[in-house]
């Protein structure tokens, strides 16, 4: 089930992407669909396509709560953007979906492993990032987060 946060990010991508002229995009280099891109993650081969995920903030061209952008390619030269794969929409990843990996499971589904982040204020008034290894499983486009995180 897609969360409201992820639905909003996907709608924003679809709407804003239309305002970017083709000439503004590189011919042979992956760039973000919209917004800000960092840290490629989860490069994998799944269902006949190369998948690249990346840390991503769709709403501005600067760092923000990280989502995972998603693109696919048949030849590693020409990329097609897919809807955002992950959004910071759970209590354990509300401040970002950070670095991770992807692989194809024996049953054909795709597993995303990522670092979820929550910023926690400490007694001395500093902020500490609480990181948790998190999982999401999907079909190559839509992913469902696994409720039971593995380790903090």
N, C-alpha and C. Protein backbone atom coordinates (compact mmCIF):
# COMPACT_ATOMS: atom_id res chain seq x y z
N UNK A 1 0.84 -1.17 0.00
CA UNK A 1 0.00 0.00 0.00
C UNK A 1 0.89 1.25 0.00
N UNK A 2 0.64 2.15 -0.90
CA UNK A 2 1.42 3.38 -1.03
C UNK A 2 0.94 4.41 -0.02
N UNK A 3 1.87 5.01 0.71
CA UNK A 3 1.52 6.00 1.72
C UNK A 3 1.15 7.33 1.08
N UNK A 4 0.50 8.17 1.83
CA UNK A 4 0.15 9.52 1.37
C UNK A 4 1.41 10.31 1.02
N UNK A 5 2.46 10.17 1.82
CA UNK A 5 3.71 10.89 1.59
C UNK A 5 4.32 10.48 0.25
N UNK A 6 4.31 9.18 -0.05
CA UNK A 6 4.87 8.70 -1.31
C UNK A 6 3.97 9.10 -2.48
N UNK A 7 2.68 9.03 -2.31
CA UNK A 7 1.75 9.47 -3.39
C UNK A 7 1.97 10.94 -3.72
N UNK A 8 2.15 11.78 -2.69
CA UNK A 8 2.39 13.20 -2.92
C UNK A 8 3.70 13.43 -3.66
N UNK A 9 4.75 12.71 -3.27
CA UNK A 9 6.05 12.85 -3.95
C UNK A 9 5.93 12.43 -5.41
N UNK A 10 5.24 11.33 -5.67
CA UNK A 10 5.08 10.85 -7.04
C UNK A 10 4.27 11.84 -7.89
N UNK A 11 3.24 12.42 -7.32
CA UNK A 11 2.44 13.40 -8.06
C UNK A 11 3.28 14.64 -8.36
N UNK A 12 4.06 15.08 -7.38
CA UNK A 12 4.93 16.23 -7.56
C UNK A 12 5.93 15.96 -8.68
N UNK A 13 6.57 14.78 -8.67
CA UNK A 13 7.51 14.41 -9.72
C UNK A 13 6.86 14.52 -11.10
N UNK A 14 5.71 13.91 -11.22
CA UNK A 14 5.01 13.86 -12.50
C UNK A 14 4.67 15.25 -13.01
N UNK A 15 4.23 16.12 -12.12
CA UNK A 15 3.83 17.47 -12.50
C UNK A 15 5.03 18.34 -12.86
N UNK A 16 6.04 18.38 -11.99
CA UNK A 16 7.18 19.27 -12.18
C UNK A 16 8.08 18.81 -13.31
N UNK A 17 8.20 17.50 -13.50
CA UNK A 17 9.05 16.98 -14.57
C UNK A 17 8.66 17.55 -15.93
N UNK A 18 7.38 17.80 -16.13
CA UNK A 18 6.90 18.33 -17.41
C UNK A 18 7.44 19.72 -17.72
N UNK A 19 7.88 20.44 -16.69
CA UNK A 19 8.39 21.80 -16.90
C UNK A 19 9.89 21.82 -17.23
N UNK A 20 10.55 20.68 -17.25
CA UNK A 20 11.98 20.62 -17.55
C UNK A 20 12.16 20.23 -19.01
N UNK A 21 12.74 21.12 -19.78
CA UNK A 21 12.95 20.89 -21.21
C UNK A 21 13.93 19.75 -21.44
N UNK A 22 13.73 18.97 -22.46
CA UNK A 22 14.61 17.85 -22.81
C UNK A 22 16.06 18.32 -22.95
N UNK A 23 16.25 19.51 -23.51
CA UNK A 23 17.60 20.04 -23.70
C UNK A 23 18.32 20.31 -22.38
N UNK A 24 17.58 20.40 -21.30
CA UNK A 24 18.16 20.66 -19.99
C UNK A 24 18.67 19.39 -19.31
N UNK A 25 18.41 18.25 -19.92
CA UNK A 25 18.83 16.97 -19.34
C UNK A 25 20.02 16.41 -20.10
N UNK A 26 20.93 15.73 -19.40
CA UNK A 26 22.06 15.11 -20.11
C UNK A 26 21.59 13.95 -21.00
N UNK A 27 22.34 13.69 -22.06
CA UNK A 27 21.99 12.60 -22.97
C UNK A 27 22.39 11.23 -22.42
N UNK A 28 23.53 11.14 -21.74
CA UNK A 28 24.05 9.83 -21.34
C UNK A 28 24.39 9.74 -19.86
N UNK A 29 23.84 10.56 -19.05
CA UNK A 29 24.17 10.55 -17.63
C UNK A 29 22.88 10.60 -16.84
N UNK A 30 22.78 9.80 -15.83
CA UNK A 30 21.57 9.79 -15.01
C UNK A 30 21.52 11.05 -14.14
N UNK A 31 20.41 11.74 -14.20
CA UNK A 31 20.17 12.87 -13.31
C UNK A 31 18.84 12.60 -12.61
N UNK A 32 18.55 13.37 -11.59
CA UNK A 32 17.28 13.17 -10.89
C UNK A 32 16.11 13.58 -11.78
N UNK A 33 15.00 13.02 -11.50
CA UNK A 33 13.78 13.35 -12.26
C UNK A 33 13.43 14.82 -12.05
N UNK A 34 13.44 15.24 -10.82
CA UNK A 34 13.27 16.63 -10.39
C UNK A 34 14.07 16.78 -9.10
N UNK A 35 14.22 17.99 -8.60
CA UNK A 35 14.81 18.18 -7.27
C UNK A 35 16.28 17.87 -7.16
N UNK A 36 16.66 17.32 -6.03
CA UNK A 36 18.05 17.14 -5.64
C UNK A 36 18.40 15.66 -5.56
N UNK A 37 19.56 15.30 -6.09
CA UNK A 37 20.02 13.91 -6.14
C UNK A 37 21.36 13.77 -5.45
N UNK A 38 21.53 12.65 -4.77
CA UNK A 38 22.79 12.33 -4.10
C UNK A 38 22.91 10.82 -3.99
N UNK A 39 24.09 10.34 -3.85
CA UNK A 39 24.37 8.98 -3.40
C UNK A 39 23.58 7.88 -4.12
N UNK A 40 24.03 7.45 -5.29
CA UNK A 40 23.37 6.32 -5.96
C UNK A 40 23.36 5.10 -5.04
N UNK A 41 22.27 4.37 -5.07
CA UNK A 41 22.08 3.19 -4.22
C UNK A 41 21.40 2.09 -5.01
N UNK A 42 21.53 0.88 -4.54
CA UNK A 42 20.71 -0.22 -5.03
C UNK A 42 20.84 -0.52 -6.50
N UNK A 43 22.04 -0.30 -7.08
CA UNK A 43 22.22 -0.65 -8.47
C UNK A 43 22.04 -2.16 -8.60
N UNK A 44 21.13 -2.58 -9.47
CA UNK A 44 20.82 -4.01 -9.58
C UNK A 44 20.22 -4.31 -10.95
N UNK A 45 20.18 -5.59 -11.26
CA UNK A 45 19.55 -6.06 -12.49
C UNK A 45 18.33 -6.86 -12.07
N UNK A 46 17.16 -6.43 -12.53
CA UNK A 46 15.90 -7.05 -12.09
C UNK A 46 14.91 -7.04 -13.25
N UNK A 47 14.35 -8.20 -13.55
CA UNK A 47 13.34 -8.33 -14.61
C UNK A 47 13.77 -7.72 -15.94
N UNK A 48 15.02 -7.98 -16.32
CA UNK A 48 15.49 -7.54 -17.62
C UNK A 48 15.91 -6.09 -17.72
N UNK A 49 15.97 -5.40 -16.60
CA UNK A 49 16.33 -3.97 -16.60
C UNK A 49 17.37 -3.71 -15.50
N UNK A 50 18.25 -2.75 -15.78
CA UNK A 50 19.14 -2.24 -14.74
C UNK A 50 18.35 -1.22 -13.94
N UNK A 51 18.38 -1.34 -12.64
CA UNK A 51 17.68 -0.42 -11.74
C UNK A 51 18.72 0.39 -10.98
N UNK A 52 18.51 1.70 -10.93
CA UNK A 52 19.34 2.57 -10.11
C UNK A 52 18.42 3.37 -9.20
N UNK A 53 18.71 3.28 -7.93
CA UNK A 53 18.01 4.08 -6.93
C UNK A 53 19.01 5.12 -6.45
N UNK A 54 18.52 6.20 -5.89
CA UNK A 54 19.42 7.25 -5.42
C UNK A 54 18.71 8.07 -4.33
N UNK A 55 19.51 8.58 -3.40
CA UNK A 55 18.96 9.49 -2.41
C UNK A 55 18.46 10.72 -3.15
N UNK A 56 17.36 11.26 -2.67
CA UNK A 56 16.62 12.17 -3.52
C UNK A 56 15.69 13.03 -2.68
N UNK A 57 15.69 14.32 -2.93
CA UNK A 57 14.71 15.22 -2.33
C UNK A 57 13.98 15.90 -3.49
N UNK A 58 12.76 15.47 -3.81
CA UNK A 58 12.09 15.95 -5.01
C UNK A 58 11.62 17.40 -4.95
N UNK A 59 11.46 17.97 -3.78
CA UNK A 59 10.78 19.25 -3.65
C UNK A 59 11.64 20.49 -3.86
N UNK A 60 12.95 20.36 -3.77
CA UNK A 60 13.85 21.50 -3.97
C UNK A 60 15.17 20.99 -4.50
N UNK A 61 15.99 21.89 -5.01
CA UNK A 61 17.31 21.48 -5.50
C UNK A 61 18.35 21.66 -4.39
N UNK A 62 17.99 21.18 -3.21
CA UNK A 62 18.92 21.16 -2.07
C UNK A 62 18.54 19.98 -1.18
N UNK A 63 19.42 19.67 -0.26
CA UNK A 63 19.22 18.53 0.64
C UNK A 63 17.94 18.71 1.45
N UNK A 64 17.21 17.63 1.64
CA UNK A 64 16.00 17.62 2.46
C UNK A 64 15.76 16.19 2.91
N UNK A 65 14.63 15.89 3.54
CA UNK A 65 14.35 14.52 3.97
C UNK A 65 14.44 13.55 2.77
N UNK A 66 15.40 12.65 2.84
CA UNK A 66 15.72 11.80 1.70
C UNK A 66 14.63 10.79 1.37
N UNK A 67 14.31 10.76 0.09
CA UNK A 67 13.47 9.75 -0.54
C UNK A 67 14.44 8.85 -1.33
N UNK A 68 13.92 7.86 -2.01
CA UNK A 68 14.71 7.12 -3.00
C UNK A 68 14.11 7.35 -4.36
N UNK A 69 14.87 8.04 -5.24
CA UNK A 69 14.49 8.15 -6.63
C UNK A 69 14.77 6.82 -7.32
N UNK A 70 14.22 6.64 -8.52
CA UNK A 70 14.32 5.34 -9.18
C UNK A 70 14.33 5.54 -10.69
N UNK A 71 15.29 4.89 -11.35
CA UNK A 71 15.36 4.91 -12.81
C UNK A 71 15.78 3.54 -13.30
N UNK A 72 15.41 3.23 -14.54
CA UNK A 72 15.78 1.95 -15.15
C UNK A 72 16.39 2.18 -16.52
N UNK A 73 17.19 1.20 -16.96
CA UNK A 73 17.84 1.28 -18.26
C UNK A 73 18.04 -0.13 -18.82
N UNK A 74 18.00 -0.25 -20.12
CA UNK A 74 18.34 -1.52 -20.78
C UNK A 74 19.81 -1.54 -21.19
N UNK A 75 20.41 -0.34 -21.40
CA UNK A 75 21.77 -0.28 -21.95
C UNK A 75 22.76 0.52 -21.10
N UNK A 76 22.34 1.04 -19.97
CA UNK A 76 23.15 1.86 -19.07
C UNK A 76 23.53 3.22 -19.66
N UNK A 77 22.95 3.55 -20.78
CA UNK A 77 23.17 4.87 -21.39
C UNK A 77 21.91 5.71 -21.35
N UNK A 78 20.79 5.09 -21.63
CA UNK A 78 19.51 5.79 -21.70
C UNK A 78 18.67 5.36 -20.51
N UNK A 79 18.24 6.33 -19.73
CA UNK A 79 17.53 6.05 -18.48
C UNK A 79 16.09 6.53 -18.56
N UNK A 80 15.21 5.75 -17.97
CA UNK A 80 13.80 6.10 -17.85
C UNK A 80 13.49 6.26 -16.36
N UNK A 81 12.95 7.40 -16.01
CA UNK A 81 12.59 7.62 -14.60
C UNK A 81 11.31 6.88 -14.26
N UNK A 82 11.33 6.23 -13.11
CA UNK A 82 10.13 5.62 -12.55
C UNK A 82 9.71 6.45 -11.35
N UNK A 83 8.52 6.23 -10.83
CA UNK A 83 8.11 6.97 -9.64
C UNK A 83 9.05 6.69 -8.46
N UNK A 84 9.15 7.65 -7.56
CA UNK A 84 9.96 7.46 -6.35
C UNK A 84 9.64 6.11 -5.71
N UNK A 85 10.68 5.42 -5.26
CA UNK A 85 10.50 4.09 -4.68
C UNK A 85 10.21 4.15 -3.18
N UNK A 86 10.85 5.06 -2.48
CA UNK A 86 10.68 5.17 -1.03
C UNK A 86 10.52 6.63 -0.63
N UNK A 87 9.76 6.85 0.41
CA UNK A 87 9.61 8.18 1.00
C UNK A 87 9.73 8.04 2.52
N UNK A 88 10.18 9.08 3.20
CA UNK A 88 10.29 9.03 4.66
C UNK A 88 8.90 9.16 5.30
N UNK A 89 8.21 8.04 5.41
CA UNK A 89 6.80 8.07 5.81
C UNK A 89 6.45 7.16 6.98
N UNK A 90 7.46 6.62 7.63
CA UNK A 90 7.24 5.77 8.80
C UNK A 90 7.92 6.40 10.01
N UNK A 91 7.52 6.00 11.20
CA UNK A 91 8.13 6.57 12.41
C UNK A 91 9.63 6.31 12.46
N UNK A 92 10.09 5.19 11.93
CA UNK A 92 11.51 4.83 11.99
C UNK A 92 12.34 5.42 10.85
N UNK A 93 11.71 6.05 9.83
CA UNK A 93 12.48 6.68 8.74
C UNK A 93 12.01 8.10 8.44
N UNK A 94 11.35 8.72 9.40
CA UNK A 94 10.72 10.02 9.16
C UNK A 94 11.70 11.13 8.76
N UNK A 95 12.99 10.95 9.07
CA UNK A 95 13.97 11.97 8.69
C UNK A 95 14.83 11.54 7.50
N UNK A 96 14.52 10.42 6.90
CA UNK A 96 15.20 10.05 5.67
C UNK A 96 15.37 8.57 5.43
N UNK A 97 15.38 8.24 4.14
CA UNK A 97 15.71 6.91 3.64
C UNK A 97 17.09 7.04 3.02
N UNK A 98 18.11 6.56 3.72
CA UNK A 98 19.49 6.79 3.30
C UNK A 98 20.03 5.58 2.52
N UNK A 99 21.34 5.43 2.52
CA UNK A 99 22.04 4.45 1.67
C UNK A 99 21.52 3.03 1.83
N UNK A 100 21.66 2.27 0.74
CA UNK A 100 21.21 0.89 0.77
C UNK A 100 21.55 0.13 -0.49
N UNK A 101 20.92 -1.03 -0.63
CA UNK A 101 21.17 -1.94 -1.74
C UNK A 101 19.85 -2.54 -2.21
N UNK A 102 19.93 -3.25 -3.34
CA UNK A 102 18.75 -3.94 -3.87
C UNK A 102 19.18 -5.27 -4.45
N UNK A 103 18.29 -6.25 -4.40
CA UNK A 103 18.55 -7.53 -5.04
C UNK A 103 17.23 -8.21 -5.35
N UNK A 104 17.30 -9.19 -6.25
CA UNK A 104 16.11 -9.94 -6.63
C UNK A 104 16.02 -11.17 -5.73
N UNK A 105 14.85 -11.36 -5.13
CA UNK A 105 14.60 -12.52 -4.28
C UNK A 105 14.31 -13.75 -5.13
N UNK A 106 14.46 -14.96 -4.56
CA UNK A 106 14.18 -16.18 -5.33
C UNK A 106 12.77 -16.23 -5.93
N UNK A 107 11.80 -15.55 -5.31
CA UNK A 107 10.43 -15.58 -5.84
C UNK A 107 10.19 -14.51 -6.91
N UNK A 108 11.24 -13.76 -7.29
CA UNK A 108 11.13 -12.77 -8.36
C UNK A 108 10.85 -11.36 -7.90
N UNK A 109 10.52 -11.16 -6.62
CA UNK A 109 10.31 -9.80 -6.13
C UNK A 109 11.65 -9.13 -5.89
N UNK A 110 11.63 -7.82 -5.77
CA UNK A 110 12.85 -7.06 -5.53
C UNK A 110 12.88 -6.60 -4.08
N UNK A 111 14.02 -6.80 -3.44
CA UNK A 111 14.22 -6.40 -2.05
C UNK A 111 15.09 -5.16 -2.01
N UNK A 112 14.61 -4.12 -1.32
CA UNK A 112 15.40 -2.92 -1.06
C UNK A 112 15.80 -2.94 0.41
N UNK A 113 17.08 -2.75 0.66
CA UNK A 113 17.60 -2.62 2.02
C UNK A 113 18.14 -1.21 2.15
N UNK A 114 17.70 -0.49 3.15
CA UNK A 114 18.13 0.91 3.26
C UNK A 114 18.30 1.29 4.72
N UNK A 115 19.02 2.37 4.94
CA UNK A 115 19.23 2.91 6.28
C UNK A 115 18.16 3.96 6.54
N UNK A 116 17.31 3.69 7.52
CA UNK A 116 16.28 4.67 7.89
C UNK A 116 16.83 5.53 9.02
N UNK A 117 16.43 6.80 9.04
CA UNK A 117 17.01 7.77 9.97
C UNK A 117 15.92 8.54 10.70
N UNK A 118 16.14 8.70 12.00
CA UNK A 118 15.31 9.56 12.85
C UNK A 118 16.27 10.45 13.62
N UNK A 119 16.01 11.74 13.61
CA UNK A 119 16.82 12.69 14.39
C UNK A 119 16.23 12.75 15.80
N UNK A 120 17.08 12.51 16.78
CA UNK A 120 16.63 12.47 18.18
C UNK A 120 17.40 13.51 18.99
N UNK A 121 16.66 14.37 19.69
CA UNK A 121 17.29 15.38 20.55
C UNK A 121 17.79 14.70 21.83
N UNK A 122 19.05 14.95 22.17
CA UNK A 122 19.68 14.37 23.35
C UNK A 122 19.50 15.29 24.56
N UNK A 123 19.80 14.77 25.74
CA UNK A 123 19.66 15.55 26.98
C UNK A 123 20.53 16.80 26.97
N UNK A 124 21.69 16.74 26.30
CA UNK A 124 22.58 17.90 26.24
C UNK A 124 22.21 18.86 25.10
N UNK A 125 21.02 18.68 24.54
CA UNK A 125 20.44 19.52 23.49
C UNK A 125 21.11 19.35 22.12
N UNK A 126 21.91 18.31 21.96
CA UNK A 126 22.44 18.01 20.63
C UNK A 126 21.46 17.08 19.91
N UNK A 127 21.64 16.97 18.61
CA UNK A 127 20.81 16.09 17.79
C UNK A 127 21.64 14.87 17.40
N UNK A 128 21.06 13.70 17.55
CA UNK A 128 21.73 12.44 17.18
C UNK A 128 20.87 11.73 16.15
N UNK A 129 21.53 11.24 15.09
CA UNK A 129 20.83 10.42 14.10
C UNK A 129 20.73 8.99 14.60
N UNK A 130 19.51 8.49 14.70
CA UNK A 130 19.28 7.09 15.05
C UNK A 130 19.06 6.37 13.72
N UNK A 131 19.95 5.43 13.42
CA UNK A 131 19.89 4.72 12.15
C UNK A 131 19.44 3.28 12.36
N UNK A 132 18.58 2.83 11.47
CA UNK A 132 18.04 1.47 11.53
C UNK A 132 18.13 0.85 10.14
N UNK A 133 18.51 -0.42 10.09
CA UNK A 133 18.48 -1.13 8.81
C UNK A 133 17.04 -1.51 8.52
N UNK A 134 16.53 -1.08 7.37
CA UNK A 134 15.13 -1.30 7.02
C UNK A 134 15.01 -2.01 5.68
N UNK A 135 13.85 -2.60 5.45
CA UNK A 135 13.60 -3.39 4.24
C UNK A 135 12.30 -2.97 3.58
N UNK A 136 12.27 -3.10 2.26
CA UNK A 136 11.03 -2.92 1.49
C UNK A 136 11.07 -3.95 0.37
N UNK A 137 9.93 -4.52 0.04
CA UNK A 137 9.85 -5.55 -0.99
C UNK A 137 8.82 -5.11 -2.03
N UNK A 138 9.16 -5.32 -3.30
CA UNK A 138 8.22 -4.89 -4.33
C UNK A 138 8.41 -5.57 -5.67
N UNK A 139 7.74 -5.00 -6.66
CA UNK A 139 7.67 -5.59 -7.99
C UNK A 139 8.56 -4.88 -9.01
N UNK A 140 9.38 -3.94 -8.56
CA UNK A 140 10.21 -3.17 -9.48
C UNK A 140 9.70 -1.76 -9.68
N UNK A 141 8.50 -1.48 -9.18
CA UNK A 141 7.93 -0.12 -9.23
C UNK A 141 7.38 0.27 -7.86
N UNK A 142 6.55 -0.57 -7.30
CA UNK A 142 5.93 -0.30 -5.99
C UNK A 142 6.54 -1.21 -4.93
N UNK A 143 6.82 -0.63 -3.76
CA UNK A 143 7.50 -1.35 -2.68
C UNK A 143 6.72 -1.18 -1.39
N UNK A 144 6.65 -2.25 -0.63
CA UNK A 144 6.01 -2.21 0.68
C UNK A 144 7.08 -2.38 1.74
N UNK A 145 7.11 -1.46 2.68
CA UNK A 145 8.11 -1.54 3.74
C UNK A 145 7.76 -2.67 4.69
N UNK A 146 8.79 -3.37 5.12
CA UNK A 146 8.64 -4.48 6.07
C UNK A 146 8.54 -3.88 7.46
N UNK A 147 7.52 -4.21 8.19
CA UNK A 147 7.24 -3.58 9.49
C UNK A 147 8.31 -3.82 10.53
N UNK A 148 8.86 -5.02 10.56
CA UNK A 148 9.83 -5.36 11.60
C UNK A 148 11.24 -5.08 11.12
N UNK A 149 11.78 -3.97 11.59
CA UNK A 149 13.14 -3.60 11.21
C UNK A 149 14.11 -4.61 11.81
N UNK A 150 15.27 -4.81 11.18
CA UNK A 150 16.16 -5.86 11.63
C UNK A 150 17.09 -5.44 12.76
N UNK A 151 17.68 -4.25 12.70
CA UNK A 151 18.61 -3.87 13.77
C UNK A 151 18.77 -2.35 13.83
N UNK A 152 19.08 -1.87 15.02
CA UNK A 152 19.32 -0.44 15.23
C UNK A 152 20.77 -0.23 15.58
